[in-house]
C-alpha atoms as a PDB file:
ATOM      1  CA  MET A   1      80.332  95.710 109.642  1.00  0.00           C
ATOM      2  CA  LYS A   2      82.713  92.592 109.924  1.00  0.00           C
ATOM      3  CA  LEU A   3      84.275  90.388 108.082  1.00  0.00           C
ATOM      4  CA  SER A   4      86.198  86.799 108.434  1.00  0.00           C
ATOM      5  CA  ILE A   5      86.913  84.268 106.172  1.00  0.00           C
ATOM      6  CA  LYS A   6      87.448  80.311 105.860  1.00  0.00           C
ATOM      7  CA  GLY A   7      87.828  77.857 103.235  1.00  0.00           C
ATOM      8  CA  LEU A   8      90.069  79.024 100.890  1.00  0.00           C
ATOM      9  CA  VAL A   9      90.408  76.827  98.012  1.00  0.00           C
ATOM     10  CA  ALA A  10      93.202  77.632  95.110  1.00  0.00           C
ATOM     11  CA  SER A  11      93.011  76.209  91.731  1.00  0.00           C
ATOM     12  CA  SER A  12      96.030  77.750  89.666  1.00  0.00           C
ATOM     13  CA  ALA A  13      99.386  78.898  90.153  1.00  0.00           C
ATOM     14  CA  LEU A  14      98.254  82.313  91.466  1.00  0.00           C
ATOM     15  CA  VAL A  15      95.971  82.561  94.783  1.00  0.00           C
ATOM     16  CA  LEU A  16      93.832  84.848  96.377  1.00  0.00           C
ATOM     17  CA  GLY A  17      94.867  84.154 100.028  1.00  0.00           C
ATOM     18  CA  LEU A  18      92.450  86.018 102.562  1.00  0.00           C
ATOM     19  CA  SER A  19      92.429  87.018 106.337  1.00  0.00           C
ATOM     20  CA  PHE A  20      91.232  89.910 107.943  1.00  0.00           C
ATOM     21  CA  SER A  21      93.243  91.727 110.565  1.00  0.00           C
ATOM     22  CA  LEU A  22      91.003  93.254 113.336  1.00  0.00           C
ATOM     23  CA  PRO A  23      91.658  96.971 114.699  1.00  0.00           C
ATOM     24  CA  ALA A  24      93.436  96.867 117.992  1.00  0.00           C
ATOM     25  CA  PHE A  25      91.033  97.657 120.941  1.00  0.00           C
ATOM     26  CA  ALA A  26      91.208 100.915 122.799  1.00  0.00           C
ATOM     27  CA  GLU A  27      90.905  98.878 125.972  1.00  0.00           C
ATOM     28  CA  GLU A  28      89.593  95.463 127.273  1.00  0.00           C
ATOM     29  CA  ASN A  29      86.148  94.854 126.903  1.00  0.00           C
ATOM     30  CA  THR A  30      85.547  97.559 123.685  1.00  0.00           C
ATOM     31  CA  GLU A  31      84.402  97.456 120.597  1.00  0.00           C
ATOM     32  CA  PRO A  32      86.651  97.042 117.854  1.00  0.00           C
ATOM     33  CA  THR A  33      86.921 100.518 115.693  1.00  0.00           C
ATOM     34  CA  GLU A  34      85.092  99.783 112.647  1.00  0.00           C
ATOM     35  CA  PRO A  35      87.278  99.917 109.294  1.00  0.00           C
ATOM     36  CA  GLU A  36      86.887 103.824 107.824  1.00  0.00           C
ATOM     37  CA  ARG A  37      83.764 104.015 105.262  1.00  0.00           C
ATOM     38  CA  PHE A  38      84.010 106.737 102.831  1.00  0.00           C
ATOM     39  CA  TYR A  39      82.909 107.597  99.352  1.00  0.00           C
ATOM     40  CA  ASP A  40      84.699 106.609  96.166  1.00  0.00           C
ATOM     41  CA  SER A  41      83.558 107.973  93.087  1.00  0.00           C
ATOM     42  CA  GLU A  42      84.405 105.024  90.523  1.00  0.00           C
ATOM     43  CA  PHE A  43      81.466 103.163  92.485  1.00  0.00           C
ATOM     44  CA  ASP A  44      79.467 106.101  93.331  1.00  0.00           C
ATOM     45  CA  ALA A  45      79.110 105.155  96.553  1.00  0.00           C
ATOM     46  CA  GLU A  46      80.648 104.885  99.951  1.00  0.00           C
ATOM     47  CA  ILE A  47      82.735 101.827 100.742  1.00  0.00           C
ATOM     48  CA  ILE A  48      85.034 100.347 103.228  1.00  0.00           C
ATOM     49  CA  ALA A  49      88.491  98.552 101.737  1.00  0.00           C
ATOM     50  CA  TYR A  50      90.964  96.408 102.548  1.00  0.00           C
ATOM     51  CA  GLU A  51      94.535  95.685 100.790  1.00  0.00           C
ATOM     52  CA  ASN A  52      95.646  92.210 100.546  1.00  0.00           C
ATOM     53  CA  THR A  53      99.167  91.770 102.323  1.00  0.00           C
ATOM     54  CA  GLU A  54     101.540  88.788 103.029  1.00  0.00           C
ATOM     55  CA  ASN A  55     100.080  88.710 106.131  1.00  0.00           C
ATOM     56  CA  GLY A  56      96.133  89.031 105.170  1.00  0.00           C
ATOM     57  CA  LEU A  57      93.568  91.860 104.599  1.00  0.00           C
ATOM     58  CA  VAL A  58      94.423  94.910 106.146  1.00  0.00           C
ATOM     59  CA  PRO A  59      91.552  97.792 106.635  1.00  0.00           C
ATOM     60  CA  LEU A  60      92.625 100.629 104.519  1.00  0.00           C
ATOM     61  CA  THR A  61      91.924 104.223 105.598  1.00  0.00           C
ATOM     62  CA  GLU A  62      90.625 106.951 102.695  1.00  0.00           C
ATOM     63  CA  GLU A  63      93.722 108.223 102.292  1.00  0.00           C
ATOM     64  CA  GLU A  64      95.892 104.788 101.988  1.00  0.00           C
ATOM     65  CA  TYR A  65      93.065 103.680  99.735  1.00  0.00           C
ATOM     66  CA  ARG A  66      93.771 106.577  97.062  1.00  0.00           C
ATOM     67  CA  SER A  67      97.621 106.252  97.147  1.00  0.00           C
ATOM     68  CA  PHE A  68      97.213 102.199  97.008  1.00  0.00           C
ATOM     69  CA  THR A  69      95.060 102.601  93.791  1.00  0.00           C
ATOM     70  CA  GLU A  70      96.398 105.947  92.215  1.00  0.00           C
ATOM     71  CA  GLU A  71      97.898 104.301  89.108  1.00  0.00           C
ATOM     72  CA  GLN A  72      94.864 103.474  87.440  1.00  0.00           C
ATOM     73  CA  GLU A  73      94.349 102.825  83.829  1.00  0.00           C
ATOM     74  CA  VAL A  74      91.053 102.229  81.882  1.00  0.00           C
ATOM     75  CA  GLU A  75      90.630  98.465  80.172  1.00  0.00           C
ATOM     76  CA  GLU A  76      88.532  97.475  77.597  1.00  0.00           C
ATOM     77  CA  PRO A  77      87.843  93.704  77.750  1.00  0.00           C
ATOM     78  CA  GLU A  78      85.733  93.914  74.659  1.00  0.00           C
ATOM     79  CA  LEU A  79      88.858  94.762  72.623  1.00  0.00           C
ATOM     80  CA  GLU A  80      91.380  92.448  74.172  1.00  0.00           C
ATOM     81  CA  TYR A  81      91.563  88.735  73.788  1.00  0.00           C
ATOM     82  CA  SER A  82      92.120  85.930  76.282  1.00  0.00           C
ATOM     83  CA  ASP A  83      94.551  83.153  76.019  1.00  0.00           C
ATOM     84  CA  THR A  84      93.142  80.301  74.134  1.00  0.00           C
ATOM     85  CA  ASP A  85      96.130  77.879  74.551  1.00  0.00           C
ATOM     86  CA  GLU A  86      98.396  76.440  77.203  1.00  0.00           C
ATOM     87  CA  PHE A  87     101.764  77.824  76.791  1.00  0.00           C
ATOM     88  CA  ASN A  88     104.396  75.904  77.329  1.00  0.00           C
ATOM     89  CA  LEU A  89     108.353  76.640  77.042  1.00  0.00           C
ATOM     90  CA  LEU A  90     109.395  73.512  75.593  1.00  0.00           C
ATOM     91  CA  LYS A  91     107.150  74.534  72.407  1.00  0.00           C
ATOM     92  CA  PRO A  92     108.770  76.606  69.579  1.00  0.00           C
ATOM     93  CA  VAL A  93     107.849  79.766  70.823  1.00  0.00           C
ATOM     94  CA  VAL A  94     108.607  81.960  67.478  1.00  0.00           C
ATOM     95  CA  ALA A  95     107.047  79.633  65.266  1.00  0.00           C
ATOM     96  CA  GLY A  96     104.860  81.469  63.114  1.00  0.00           C
ATOM     97  CA  ASP A  97     101.771  80.890  61.157  1.00  0.00           C
ATOM     98  CA  PHE A  98     102.530  80.785  57.769  1.00  0.00           C
ATOM     99  CA  LYS A  99     105.852  78.453  56.254  1.00  0.00           C
ATOM    100  CA  THR A 100     106.431  76.325  52.984  1.00  0.00           C
ATOM    101  CA  GLN A 101     108.816  73.417  52.842  1.00  0.00           C
ATOM    102  CA  ASP A 102     111.775  76.130  52.295  1.00  0.00           C
ATOM    103  CA  TYR A 103     110.316  79.320  53.413  1.00  0.00           C
ATOM    104  CA  ARG A 104     108.574  80.723  56.974  1.00  0.00           C
ATOM    105  CA  GLU A 105     107.588  83.568  58.768  1.00  0.00           C
ATOM    106  CA  TYR A 106     107.629  84.087  62.480  1.00  0.00           C
ATOM    107  CA  TRP A 107     106.697  86.623  65.311  1.00  0.00           C
ATOM    108  CA  LYS A 108     109.274  88.218  67.903  1.00  0.00           C
ATOM    109  CA  TYR A 109     108.112  90.361  70.738  1.00  0.00           C
ATOM    110  CA  SER A 110     110.272  93.377  71.597  1.00  0.00           C
ATOM    111  CA  GLU A 111     109.425  94.753  75.005  1.00  0.00           C
ATOM    112  CA  SER A 112     109.465  98.526  75.621  1.00  0.00           C
ATOM    113  CA  LYS A 113     107.817  99.242  78.768  1.00  0.00           C
ATOM    114  CA  VAL A 114     106.150  97.512  81.724  1.00  0.00           C
ATOM    115  CA  THR A 115     103.474  99.465  84.157  1.00  0.00           C
ATOM    116  CA  THR A 116     102.006  98.330  87.179  1.00  0.00           C
ATOM    117  CA  TYR A 117      98.725  99.529  88.072  1.00  0.00           C
ATOM    118  CA  THR A 118      94.905  98.706  89.421  1.00  0.00           C
ATOM    119  CA  GLY A 119      92.627  96.711  87.366  1.00  0.00           C
ATOM    120  CA  ASN A 120      88.963  96.989  86.733  1.00  0.00           C
ATOM    121  CA  PRO A 121      87.107  96.316  89.889  1.00  0.00           C
ATOM    122  CA  ILE A 122      85.715  92.547  89.779  1.00  0.00           C
ATOM    123  CA  GLN A 123      82.109  91.854  91.151  1.00  0.00           C
ATOM    124  CA  ALA A 124      82.565  88.950  93.128  1.00  0.00           C
ATOM    125  CA  THR A 125      78.970  88.930  94.702  1.00  0.00           C
ATOM    126  CA  SER A 126      75.549  89.685  94.120  1.00  0.00           C
ATOM    127  CA  THR A 127      73.576  92.564  96.095  1.00  0.00           C
ATOM    128  CA  ILE A 128      73.668  91.310  99.716  1.00  0.00           C
ATOM    129  CA  LYS A 129      70.738  92.810 101.881  1.00  0.00           C
ATOM    130  CA  CYS A 130      69.581  93.025 105.284  1.00  0.00           C
ATOM    131  CA  ASN A 131      65.717  93.451 106.250  1.00  0.00           C
ATOM    132  CA  THR A 132      65.971  92.058 109.928  1.00  0.00           C
ATOM    133  CA  SER A 133      65.420  94.481 112.549  1.00  0.00           C
ATOM    134  CA  GLY A 134      68.409  93.204 114.675  1.00  0.00           C
ATOM    135  CA  GLY A 135      70.699  93.277 111.951  1.00  0.00           C
ATOM    136  CA  CYS A 136      72.192  90.588 109.710  1.00  0.00           C
ATOM    137  CA  SER A 137      74.952  87.866 109.818  1.00  0.00           C
ATOM    138  CA  ILE A 138      75.614  86.686 106.422  1.00  0.00           C
ATOM    139  CA  SER A 139      77.854  84.150 105.175  1.00  0.00           C
ATOM    140  CA  LYS A 140      78.568  84.466 101.565  1.00  0.00           C
ATOM    141  CA  ASN A 141      80.384  82.100  99.231  1.00  0.00           C
ATOM    142  CA  ILE A 142      82.670  84.244  96.372  1.00  0.00           C
ATOM    143  CA  SER A 143      84.631  82.985  93.597  1.00  0.00           C
ATOM    144  CA  VAL A 144      87.554  85.886  91.859  1.00  0.00           C
ATOM    145  CA  THR A 145      89.192  84.930  88.943  1.00  0.00           C
ATOM    146  CA  VAL A 146      91.885  87.053  87.259  1.00  0.00           C
ATOM    147  CA  SER A 147      92.958  86.326  83.632  1.00  0.00           C
ATOM    148  CA  SER A 148      95.983  87.470  81.231  1.00  0.00           C
ATOM    149  CA  SER A 149      94.574  89.304  78.493  1.00  0.00           C
ATOM    150  CA  PHE A 150      96.539  90.570  74.816  1.00  0.00           C
ATOM    151  CA  SER A 151      95.984  93.051  72.045  1.00  0.00           C
ATOM    152  CA  VAL A 152      96.445  90.519  69.584  1.00  0.00           C
ATOM    153  CA  ASN A 153      94.194  87.436  68.626  1.00  0.00           C
ATOM    154  CA  THR A 154      96.276  84.710  66.713  1.00  0.00           C
ATOM    155  CA  GLN A 155      98.291  82.055  69.303  1.00  0.00           C
ATOM    156  CA  ALA A 156     101.475  82.483  67.095  1.00  0.00           C
ATOM    157  CA  GLU A 157     101.408  86.360  68.360  1.00  0.00           C
ATOM    158  CA  LYS A 158     100.279  85.399  71.833  1.00  0.00           C
ATOM    159  CA  ASN A 159     103.395  82.813  72.377  1.00  0.00           C
ATOM    160  CA  ALA A 160     105.644  85.368  70.878  1.00  0.00           C
ATOM    161  CA  ILE A 161     104.446  87.861  73.504  1.00  0.00           C
ATOM    162  CA  LYS A 162     104.515  85.441  76.607  1.00  0.00           C
ATOM    163  CA  ALA A 163     108.179  84.403  75.556  1.00  0.00           C
ATOM    164  CA  GLY A 164     109.553  88.104  75.339  1.00  0.00           C
ATOM    165  CA  VAL A 165     108.049  89.720  78.457  1.00  0.00           C
ATOM    166  CA  SER A 166     110.501  90.680  81.081  1.00  0.00           C
ATOM    167  CA  TYR A 167     108.855  88.876  83.989  1.00  0.00           C
ATOM    168  CA  THR A 168     107.689  85.628  84.985  1.00  0.00           C
ATOM    169  CA  TRP A 169     104.318  84.820  83.089  1.00  0.00           C
ATOM    170  CA  VAL A 170     100.798  84.504  84.968  1.00  0.00           C
ATOM    171  CA  ASN A 171      98.246  83.155  82.720  1.00  0.00           C
ATOM    172  CA  SER A 172      94.949  83.058  85.562  1.00  0.00           C
ATOM    173  CA  ALA A 173      94.056  82.882  89.384  1.00  0.00           C
ATOM    174  CA  THR A 174      90.902  81.582  90.916  1.00  0.00           C
ATOM    175  CA  SER A 175      90.082  81.462  94.434  1.00  0.00           C
ATOM    176  CA  SER A 176      86.887  80.254  96.158  1.00  0.00           C
ATOM    177  CA  SER A 177      86.213  81.495  99.883  1.00  0.00           C
ATOM    178  CA  THR A 178      83.310  82.158 102.110  1.00  0.00           C
ATOM    179  CA  TYR A 179      82.754  85.630 103.849  1.00  0.00           C
ATOM    180  CA  THR A 180      80.817  85.893 107.330  1.00  0.00           C
ATOM    181  CA  PHE A 181      80.014  89.473 107.769  1.00  0.00           C
ATOM    182  CA  LYS A 182      77.540  91.897 109.530  1.00  0.00           C
ATOM    183  CA  LEU A 183      75.153  94.505 108.228  1.00  0.00           C
ATOM    184  CA  LYS A 184      72.694  96.555 110.134  1.00  0.00           C
ATOM    185  CA  LYS A 185      68.724  96.769 108.697  1.00  0.00           C
ATOM    186  CA  GLY A 186      68.145  98.321 105.881  1.00  0.00           C
ATOM    187  CA  GLU A 187      72.085  98.051 104.360  1.00  0.00           C
ATOM    188  CA  ASN A 188      72.908  96.398 101.229  1.00  0.00           C
ATOM    189  CA  GLY A 189      75.847  96.139  98.844  1.00  0.00           C
ATOM    190  CA  TYR A 190      78.504  93.556  97.231  1.00  0.00           C
ATOM    191  CA  ILE A 191      82.053  92.763  97.610  1.00  0.00           C
ATOM    192  CA  ALA A 192      84.085  93.736  94.582  1.00  0.00           C
ATOM    193  CA  PHE A 193      87.831  92.728  93.992  1.00  0.00           C
ATOM    194  CA  LYS A 194      89.990  95.475  92.485  1.00  0.00           C
ATOM    195  CA  PRO A 195      93.357  93.667  91.174  1.00  0.00           C
ATOM    196  CA  THR A 196      96.755  94.894  90.710  1.00  0.00           C
ATOM    197  CA  LYS A 197      97.807  94.360  87.404  1.00  0.00           C
ATOM    198  CA  ARG A 198     101.263  94.362  85.000  1.00  0.00           C
ATOM    199  CA  LYS A 199     100.991  95.696  81.533  1.00  0.00           C
ATOM    200  CA  SER A 200     103.581  95.167  79.041  1.00  0.00           C
ATOM    201  CA  THR A 201     103.931  97.229  76.145  1.00  0.00           C
ATOM    202  CA  GLY A 202     105.828  96.677  72.861  1.00  0.00           C
ATOM    203  CA  LYS A 203     106.420  95.856  69.326  1.00  0.00           C
ATOM    204  CA  LEU A 204     105.729  92.572  67.483  1.00  0.00           C
ATOM    205  CA  LYS A 205     107.890  92.382  64.793  1.00  0.00           C
ATOM    206  CA  ARG A 206     107.476  89.986  61.624  1.00  0.00           C
ATOM    207  CA  TYR A 207     110.448  88.253  60.081  1.00  0.00           C
ATOM    208  CA  SER A 208     111.052  85.334  57.364  1.00  0.00           C
ATOM    209  CA  ASN A 209     114.087  83.064  56.957  1.00  0.00           C
ATOM    210  CA  TRP A 210     114.701  84.314  53.593  1.00  0.00           C
ATOM    211  CA  ASP A 211     114.368  88.312  53.998  1.00  0.00           C
ATOM    212  CA  GLY A 212     114.852  88.673  57.966  1.00  0.00           C
ATOM    213  CA  TYR A 213     112.756  91.735  59.144  1.00  0.00           C
ATOM    214  CA  LEU A 214     109.536  92.449  57.412  1.00  0.00           C
ATOM    215  CA  TYR A 215     107.671  94.672  59.340  1.00  0.00           C
ATOM    216  CA  SER A 216     106.045  95.506  63.249  1.00  0.00           C
ATOM    217  CA  LYS A 217     102.889  96.531  65.264  1.00  0.00           C
ATOM    218  CA  SER A 218     102.489  97.553  68.355  1.00  0.00           C
ATOM    219  CA  ALA A 219     101.318  95.127  71.106  1.00  0.00           C
ATOM    220  CA  TYR A 220     100.532  94.733  74.857  1.00  0.00           C
ATOM    221  CA  CYS A 221      99.338  91.984  77.302  1.00  0.00           C
ATOM    222  CA  ARG A 222      98.064  92.330  80.657  1.00  0.00           C
ATOM    223  CA  ASN A 223      98.621  89.984  83.841  1.00  0.00           C
ATOM    224  CA  PRO A 224      97.792  89.862  87.116  1.00  0.00           C
ATOM    225  CA  VAL A 225     100.384  90.425  90.051  1.00  0.00           C
ATOM    226  CA  LYS A 226     101.304  88.040  92.659  1.00  0.00           C
ATOM    227  CA  LEU A 227     102.893  89.006  96.530  1.00  0.00           C
ATOM    228  CA  SER A 228     106.033  87.384  97.475  1.00  0.00           C
ATOM    229  CA  ASN A 229     104.040  84.703  99.150  1.00  0.00           C
ATOM    230  CA  GLY A 230     102.017  83.923  95.762  1.00  0.00           C
ATOM    231  CA  GLU A 231      98.755  85.454  97.215  1.00  0.00           C
ATOM    232  CA  ALA A 232      97.198  87.958  94.564  1.00  0.00           C
ATOM    233  CA  LYS A 233      97.971  91.395  95.051  1.00  0.00           C
ATOM    234  CA  GLY A 234      95.052  94.178  94.982  1.00  0.00           C
ATOM    235  CA  THR A 235      92.135  95.597  97.166  1.00  0.00           C
ATOM    236  CA  TYR A 236      88.859  93.937  98.606  1.00  0.00           C
ATOM    237  CA  VAL A 237      86.014  96.591  98.880  1.00  0.00           C
ATOM    238  CA  PHE A 238      82.412  96.288 100.265  1.00  0.00           C
ATOM    239  CA  VAL A 239      80.494  98.548  98.190  1.00  0.00           C
ATOM    240  CA  HIS A 240      77.366 100.179 100.106  1.00  0.00           C
ATOM    241  CA  LYS A 241      74.818 100.855  97.510  1.00  0.00           C
ATOM    242  CA  LYS A 242      72.377 103.604  97.875  1.00  0.00           C
END
């Protein structure tokens, strides 16, 4: 399978930049070595993997892929909340959701740990099939969005977490691209993206201007990670369905 990409359009602060690096030729006028194809238990299928780097997408061997995605964490999106408000550092970041003329309560976030891990795969295309005897050359438009999420629901709590994390906040990212690749007759599969994410874990502490500290609860958030050139960090895989 050979892949190439064109037509990248970014719509937010973080860009999923995509370009493929072809393996070196063994000698002139020979076919390039195909990327390694191997079984992955997460997909229960054979895959071909590419790491997204500052220099484009680089094919990964099975060993390199295992090393790159070694740190993983089970995410439960149904138990988390997306952001519902554009965060602005010029706004009060500790303003709470309860106050009277002389009394107010507010949240502050105290971060205890930051971890970097490989997030849940995002399926970027529907199933792609080849039924032509001579094989298929296919162009496919894809769009991938990676968003931040929280363990808390109210905007006051989210704003306190945003103000309290130790890294630059990244809210979401969208990329639109066109893939051109080849499949043999009978092959089918789909493209997925496994984003690298950052998770901040800590305590949300409740205060009042009368009594000071009131109580606390555990909280966390997840964010996309970007490379030094602003592109998304992660792994693209073509999943060969059975």
